[in-house]
Amino acid sequence: MTESPRERGLRVIGEILGEASKARMERNAAAGFGARFSELAIDFAFGTMWADAALPRRDLSLVTIGALVAARQYDELEHHVRIGLANGLTAAEIEQAITHLAAYAGFPAARGGLAAARAVIEGDDG
């Protein structure tokens, strides 16, 4: 039997972020304000994009971190630094990738990205 995007998404979330995050996402998608957004995150982002085996999750994390730095989406970047670490990236690799982005996304974007990543890596993210 083939998994639905929802089943795949919840499986991937559990594998990457753990069972507590999986349960929280499932609850958020069930009802209430923002439920549709949570459904899309589970079904599309995790159930389709992250479940695609064309690239290893470690590589997907590196691509995602780069995109978020370039877009200056630092709150979401913190979340994806955690995912990147869970997917096997080292703190040094994340630092080097973000530093490299200074040449392409600009020094302010890279500086903000380093600050967001530092908060996660050094445990100052609350």
N, C-alpha and C. Protein backbone atom coordinates (compact mmCIF):
# COMPACT_ATOMS: atom_id res chain seq x y z
N MET A 1 0.84 -1.19 0.00
CA MET A 1 0.00 0.00 0.00
C MET A 1 0.88 1.25 0.00
N THR A 2 0.54 2.20 -0.82
CA THR A 2 1.29 3.43 -0.95
C THR A 2 0.88 4.42 0.13
N GLU A 3 1.87 5.10 0.70
CA GLU A 3 1.58 6.12 1.71
C GLU A 3 0.98 7.36 1.04
N SER A 4 0.04 7.98 1.71
CA SER A 4 -0.49 9.27 1.26
C SER A 4 0.53 10.35 1.61
N PRO A 5 0.40 11.53 0.99
CA PRO A 5 1.30 12.63 1.36
C PRO A 5 1.25 12.93 2.87
N ARG A 6 0.08 12.81 3.48
CA ARG A 6 -0.04 13.06 4.93
C ARG A 6 0.75 12.02 5.72
N GLU A 7 0.61 10.76 5.35
CA GLU A 7 1.33 9.69 6.05
C GLU A 7 2.84 9.84 5.88
N ARG A 8 3.26 10.12 4.64
CA ARG A 8 4.69 10.34 4.37
C ARG A 8 5.21 11.53 5.17
N GLY A 9 4.44 12.63 5.13
CA GLY A 9 4.86 13.83 5.84
C GLY A 9 5.02 13.61 7.32
N LEU A 10 4.07 12.93 7.93
CA LEU A 10 4.17 12.67 9.36
C LEU A 10 5.32 11.72 9.67
N ARG A 11 5.56 10.76 8.80
CA ARG A 11 6.69 9.84 8.99
C ARG A 11 8.00 10.62 8.93
N VAL A 12 8.15 11.48 7.91
CA VAL A 12 9.38 12.26 7.76
C VAL A 12 9.57 13.20 8.94
N ILE A 13 8.52 13.87 9.37
CA ILE A 13 8.62 14.76 10.53
C ILE A 13 9.09 13.97 11.75
N GLY A 14 8.52 12.80 11.96
CA GLY A 14 8.95 11.96 13.08
C GLY A 14 10.40 11.56 12.97
N GLU A 15 10.84 11.22 11.77
CA GLU A 15 12.24 10.81 11.57
C GLU A 15 13.21 11.96 11.77
N ILE A 16 12.84 13.14 11.33
CA ILE A 16 13.75 14.29 11.40
C ILE A 16 13.66 15.00 12.75
N LEU A 17 12.45 15.26 13.20
CA LEU A 17 12.24 16.11 14.37
C LEU A 17 11.81 15.37 15.63
N GLY A 18 11.46 14.11 15.49
CA GLY A 18 11.04 13.33 16.64
C GLY A 18 9.53 13.23 16.78
N GLU A 19 9.14 12.31 17.61
CA GLU A 19 7.72 12.00 17.79
C GLU A 19 6.92 13.14 18.42
N ALA A 20 7.54 13.92 19.30
CA ALA A 20 6.82 15.04 19.92
C ALA A 20 6.45 16.09 18.87
N SER A 21 7.38 16.40 17.97
CA SER A 21 7.08 17.36 16.90
C SER A 21 6.03 16.81 15.95
N LYS A 22 6.12 15.53 15.66
CA LYS A 22 5.13 14.88 14.80
C LYS A 22 3.74 14.99 15.41
N ALA A 23 3.62 14.69 16.69
CA ALA A 23 2.32 14.77 17.38
C ALA A 23 1.80 16.21 17.39
N ARG A 24 2.69 17.18 17.62
CA ARG A 24 2.28 18.59 17.64
C ARG A 24 1.78 19.03 16.27
N MET A 25 2.50 18.66 15.21
CA MET A 25 2.06 19.02 13.85
C MET A 25 0.73 18.37 13.52
N GLU A 26 0.56 17.13 13.93
CA GLU A 26 -0.70 16.43 13.66
C GLU A 26 -1.86 17.11 14.39
N ARG A 27 -1.65 17.52 15.64
CA ARG A 27 -2.68 18.24 16.40
C ARG A 27 -2.99 19.58 15.74
N ASN A 28 -1.95 20.30 15.32
CA ASN A 28 -2.15 21.61 14.70
C ASN A 28 -2.94 21.51 13.40
N ALA A 29 -2.76 20.41 12.67
CA ALA A 29 -3.47 20.22 11.40
C ALA A 29 -4.90 19.76 11.60
N ALA A 30 -5.23 19.28 12.78
CA ALA A 30 -6.55 18.70 13.03
C ALA A 30 -7.64 19.76 13.10
N ALA A 31 -7.37 20.89 13.74
CA ALA A 31 -8.41 21.91 13.90
C ALA A 31 -7.79 23.18 14.45
N GLY A 32 -8.55 24.24 14.36
CA GLY A 32 -8.14 25.50 14.95
C GLY A 32 -7.47 26.44 13.96
N PHE A 33 -7.12 27.59 14.48
CA PHE A 33 -6.49 28.64 13.68
C PHE A 33 -5.16 28.12 13.13
N GLY A 34 -4.96 28.23 11.83
CA GLY A 34 -3.73 27.79 11.19
C GLY A 34 -3.71 26.33 10.80
N ALA A 35 -4.84 25.62 10.96
CA ALA A 35 -4.86 24.19 10.66
C ALA A 35 -4.52 23.91 9.20
N ARG A 36 -5.05 24.71 8.29
CA ARG A 36 -4.79 24.50 6.87
C ARG A 36 -3.30 24.67 6.54
N PHE A 37 -2.67 25.65 7.17
CA PHE A 37 -1.24 25.86 6.98
C PHE A 37 -0.46 24.63 7.44
N SER A 38 -0.81 24.09 8.58
CA SER A 38 -0.15 22.89 9.09
C SER A 38 -0.37 21.70 8.15
N GLU A 39 -1.57 21.58 7.61
CA GLU A 39 -1.84 20.52 6.63
C GLU A 39 -0.90 20.64 5.43
N LEU A 40 -0.74 21.86 4.93
CA LEU A 40 0.14 22.08 3.78
C LEU A 40 1.59 21.77 4.11
N ALA A 41 2.02 22.16 5.29
CA ALA A 41 3.39 21.86 5.70
C ALA A 41 3.62 20.36 5.76
N ILE A 42 2.68 19.63 6.32
CA ILE A 42 2.81 18.17 6.42
C ILE A 42 2.74 17.53 5.05
N ASP A 43 1.69 17.85 4.30
CA ASP A 43 1.44 17.17 3.02
C ASP A 43 2.43 17.56 1.93
N PHE A 44 2.67 18.85 1.77
CA PHE A 44 3.52 19.29 0.67
C PHE A 44 5.00 19.35 1.07
N ALA A 45 5.31 20.19 2.07
CA ALA A 45 6.72 20.39 2.41
C ALA A 45 7.38 19.07 2.84
N PHE A 46 6.77 18.38 3.80
CA PHE A 46 7.38 17.16 4.30
C PHE A 46 6.94 15.92 3.53
N GLY A 47 5.67 15.82 3.17
CA GLY A 47 5.16 14.63 2.51
C GLY A 47 5.51 14.51 1.05
N THR A 48 5.85 15.62 0.42
CA THR A 48 6.23 15.60 -1.00
C THR A 48 7.70 15.97 -1.17
N MET A 49 8.08 17.17 -0.74
CA MET A 49 9.43 17.67 -1.00
C MET A 49 10.50 16.94 -0.17
N TRP A 50 10.32 16.87 1.14
CA TRP A 50 11.31 16.22 1.99
C TRP A 50 11.30 14.71 1.84
N ALA A 51 10.20 14.14 1.41
CA ALA A 51 10.12 12.68 1.24
C ALA A 51 10.73 12.23 -0.08
N ASP A 52 10.99 13.16 -0.99
CA ASP A 52 11.58 12.82 -2.28
C ASP A 52 13.02 12.35 -2.07
N ALA A 53 13.34 11.19 -2.58
CA ALA A 53 14.66 10.61 -2.35
C ALA A 53 15.70 11.03 -3.39
N ALA A 54 15.38 11.99 -4.25
CA ALA A 54 16.32 12.41 -5.29
C ALA A 54 17.60 13.00 -4.69
N LEU A 55 17.50 13.69 -3.57
CA LEU A 55 18.65 14.22 -2.84
C LEU A 55 18.60 13.70 -1.41
N PRO A 56 19.74 13.42 -0.82
CA PRO A 56 19.74 13.04 0.60
C PRO A 56 19.24 14.20 1.46
N ARG A 57 18.65 13.87 2.58
CA ARG A 57 18.11 14.92 3.47
C ARG A 57 19.19 15.90 3.90
N ARG A 58 20.40 15.44 4.09
CA ARG A 58 21.50 16.31 4.46
C ARG A 58 21.67 17.41 3.40
N ASP A 59 21.62 17.03 2.13
CA ASP A 59 21.75 17.99 1.04
C ASP A 59 20.53 18.91 0.98
N LEU A 60 19.36 18.35 1.20
CA LEU A 60 18.15 19.18 1.21
C LEU A 60 18.24 20.24 2.31
N SER A 61 18.79 19.85 3.45
CA SER A 61 18.96 20.81 4.54
C SER A 61 19.90 21.94 4.13
N LEU A 62 20.99 21.61 3.47
CA LEU A 62 21.94 22.63 3.05
C LEU A 62 21.30 23.60 2.05
N VAL A 63 20.55 23.05 1.10
CA VAL A 63 19.86 23.89 0.12
C VAL A 63 18.84 24.80 0.82
N THR A 64 18.09 24.23 1.75
CA THR A 64 17.06 24.99 2.46
C THR A 64 17.67 26.10 3.30
N ILE A 65 18.76 25.81 3.99
CA ILE A 65 19.45 26.83 4.78
C ILE A 65 19.90 27.96 3.87
N GLY A 66 20.47 27.64 2.73
CA GLY A 66 20.91 28.67 1.79
C GLY A 66 19.77 29.54 1.31
N ALA A 67 18.66 28.91 0.97
CA ALA A 67 17.50 29.67 0.49
C ALA A 67 16.95 30.59 1.58
N LEU A 68 16.90 30.10 2.80
CA LEU A 68 16.36 30.91 3.90
C LEU A 68 17.28 32.08 4.24
N VAL A 69 18.58 31.87 4.18
CA VAL A 69 19.51 32.98 4.41
C VAL A 69 19.33 34.03 3.32
N ALA A 70 19.30 33.59 2.06
CA ALA A 70 19.15 34.52 0.94
C ALA A 70 17.85 35.31 1.04
N ALA A 71 16.81 34.67 1.52
CA ALA A 71 15.51 35.33 1.66
C ALA A 71 15.37 36.08 2.99
N ARG A 72 16.40 35.99 3.83
CA ARG A 72 16.40 36.65 5.14
C ARG A 72 15.23 36.21 6.02
N GLN A 73 14.97 34.93 5.98
CA GLN A 73 13.89 34.33 6.78
C GLN A 73 14.50 33.66 8.01
N TYR A 74 14.96 34.47 8.95
CA TYR A 74 15.79 33.98 10.04
C TYR A 74 15.03 33.14 11.07
N ASP A 75 13.76 33.43 11.32
CA ASP A 75 13.00 32.60 12.25
C ASP A 75 12.88 31.17 11.72
N GLU A 76 12.55 31.06 10.45
CA GLU A 76 12.44 29.73 9.82
C GLU A 76 13.83 29.10 9.70
N LEU A 77 14.86 29.90 9.51
CA LEU A 77 16.22 29.39 9.43
C LEU A 77 16.60 28.66 10.72
N GLU A 78 16.25 29.22 11.85
CA GLU A 78 16.56 28.55 13.13
C GLU A 78 15.98 27.14 13.15
N HIS A 79 14.75 27.02 12.71
CA HIS A 79 14.09 25.71 12.65
C HIS A 79 14.88 24.76 11.73
N HIS A 80 15.31 25.27 10.59
CA HIS A 80 16.00 24.42 9.62
C HIS A 80 17.46 24.17 9.98
N VAL A 81 18.05 25.00 10.82
CA VAL A 81 19.38 24.66 11.36
C VAL A 81 19.24 23.43 12.25
N ARG A 82 18.20 23.39 13.07
CA ARG A 82 17.94 22.20 13.90
C ARG A 82 17.75 20.96 13.01
N ILE A 83 16.96 21.12 11.95
CA ILE A 83 16.73 20.00 11.03
C ILE A 83 18.05 19.60 10.37
N GLY A 84 18.84 20.56 9.95
CA GLY A 84 20.13 20.27 9.32
C GLY A 84 21.04 19.48 10.25
N LEU A 85 21.10 19.89 11.50
CA LEU A 85 21.91 19.14 12.47
C LEU A 85 21.39 17.72 12.63
N ALA A 86 20.07 17.58 12.69
CA ALA A 86 19.47 16.23 12.79
C ALA A 86 19.75 15.40 11.54
N ASN A 87 19.92 16.07 10.42
CA ASN A 87 20.17 15.38 9.15
C ASN A 87 21.67 15.17 8.88
N GLY A 88 22.51 15.47 9.85
CA GLY A 88 23.92 15.14 9.73
C GLY A 88 24.86 16.27 9.39
N LEU A 89 24.35 17.49 9.20
CA LEU A 89 25.26 18.61 8.99
C LEU A 89 25.97 18.93 10.30
N THR A 90 27.21 19.39 10.19
CA THR A 90 27.92 19.83 11.39
C THR A 90 27.76 21.34 11.53
N ALA A 91 28.03 21.83 12.73
CA ALA A 91 27.99 23.27 12.95
C ALA A 91 28.99 23.97 12.04
N ALA A 92 30.16 23.37 11.86
CA ALA A 92 31.18 23.98 10.99
C ALA A 92 30.71 24.05 9.55
N GLU A 93 30.02 23.04 9.07
CA GLU A 93 29.51 23.05 7.69
C GLU A 93 28.44 24.11 7.52
N ILE A 94 27.56 24.24 8.49
CA ILE A 94 26.51 25.26 8.43
C ILE A 94 27.15 26.65 8.44
N GLU A 95 28.13 26.86 9.31
CA GLU A 95 28.82 28.14 9.36
C GLU A 95 29.49 28.46 8.03
N GLN A 96 30.18 27.49 7.45
CA GLN A 96 30.88 27.72 6.18
C GLN A 96 29.89 28.02 5.06
N ALA A 97 28.78 27.28 5.02
CA ALA A 97 27.78 27.50 3.97
C ALA A 97 27.20 28.91 4.07
N ILE A 98 26.88 29.33 5.28
CA ILE A 98 26.30 30.67 5.45
C ILE A 98 27.34 31.74 5.13
N THR A 99 28.58 31.54 5.56
CA THR A 99 29.65 32.49 5.25
C THR A 99 29.83 32.60 3.73
N HIS A 100 29.78 31.47 3.05
CA HIS A 100 29.91 31.44 1.58
C HIS A 100 28.81 32.29 0.93
N LEU A 101 27.63 32.30 1.53
CA LEU A 101 26.51 33.05 0.97
C LEU A 101 26.72 34.56 0.98
N ALA A 102 27.67 35.05 1.75
CA ALA A 102 27.93 36.50 1.76
C ALA A 102 28.24 37.01 0.36
N ALA A 103 28.92 36.18 -0.44
CA ALA A 103 29.28 36.58 -1.79
C ALA A 103 28.08 36.60 -2.74
N TYR A 104 27.03 35.87 -2.41
CA TYR A 104 25.90 35.73 -3.33
C TYR A 104 24.61 36.35 -2.81
N ALA A 105 24.40 36.33 -1.50
CA ALA A 105 23.18 36.89 -0.92
C ALA A 105 23.44 38.22 -0.22
N GLY A 106 24.71 38.56 -0.04
CA GLY A 106 25.08 39.80 0.61
C GLY A 106 25.53 39.59 2.05
N PHE A 107 26.41 40.47 2.50
CA PHE A 107 26.92 40.37 3.86
C PHE A 107 25.82 40.53 4.91
N PRO A 108 24.86 41.46 4.75
CA PRO A 108 23.81 41.56 5.77
C PRO A 108 22.99 40.28 5.90
N ALA A 109 22.67 39.63 4.79
CA ALA A 109 21.91 38.39 4.86
C ALA A 109 22.71 37.30 5.55
N ALA A 110 23.99 37.19 5.21
CA ALA A 110 24.85 36.18 5.82
C ALA A 110 25.05 36.47 7.31
N ARG A 111 25.24 37.74 7.67
CA ARG A 111 25.39 38.09 9.08
C ARG A 111 24.17 37.70 9.88
N GLY A 112 22.99 38.01 9.34
CA GLY A 112 21.75 37.63 10.01
C GLY A 112 21.60 36.12 10.10
N GLY A 113 22.01 35.42 9.04
CA GLY A 113 21.95 33.97 9.05
C GLY A 113 22.87 33.36 10.08
N LEU A 114 24.07 33.91 10.19
CA LEU A 114 25.01 33.41 11.19
C LEU A 114 24.47 33.63 12.61
N ALA A 115 23.86 34.78 12.83
CA ALA A 115 23.30 35.06 14.15
C ALA A 115 22.18 34.08 14.49
N ALA A 116 21.31 33.80 13.53
CA ALA A 116 20.22 32.86 13.77
C ALA A 116 20.77 31.46 14.00
N ALA A 117 21.74 31.04 13.20
CA ALA A 117 22.33 29.72 13.37
C ALA A 117 23.07 29.62 14.71
N ARG A 118 23.79 30.67 15.07
CA ARG A 118 24.51 30.69 16.35
C ARG A 118 23.54 30.49 17.53
N ALA A 119 22.38 31.13 17.46
CA ALA A 119 21.41 30.99 18.54
C ALA A 119 21.01 29.53 18.74
N VAL A 120 20.89 28.80 17.66
CA VAL A 120 20.54 27.38 17.76
C VAL A 120 21.74 26.55 18.20
N ILE A 121 22.86 26.74 17.54
CA ILE A 121 24.04 25.93 17.79
C ILE A 121 24.59 26.13 19.19
N GLU A 122 24.55 27.36 19.67
CA GLU A 122 25.06 27.64 21.01
C GLU A 122 23.98 27.52 22.07
N GLY A 123 22.76 27.18 21.65
CA GLY A 123 21.70 26.94 22.61
C GLY A 123 21.02 28.15 23.17
N ASP A 124 21.11 29.28 22.47
CA ASP A 124 20.51 30.52 22.96
C ASP A 124 19.15 30.80 22.32
N ASP A 125 18.52 29.76 21.75
CA ASP A 125 17.29 30.00 21.00
C ASP A 125 16.04 29.81 21.83
N GLY A 126 16.15 29.62 23.11
CA GLY A 126 14.98 29.52 23.97
C GLY A 126 14.45 28.18 23.94
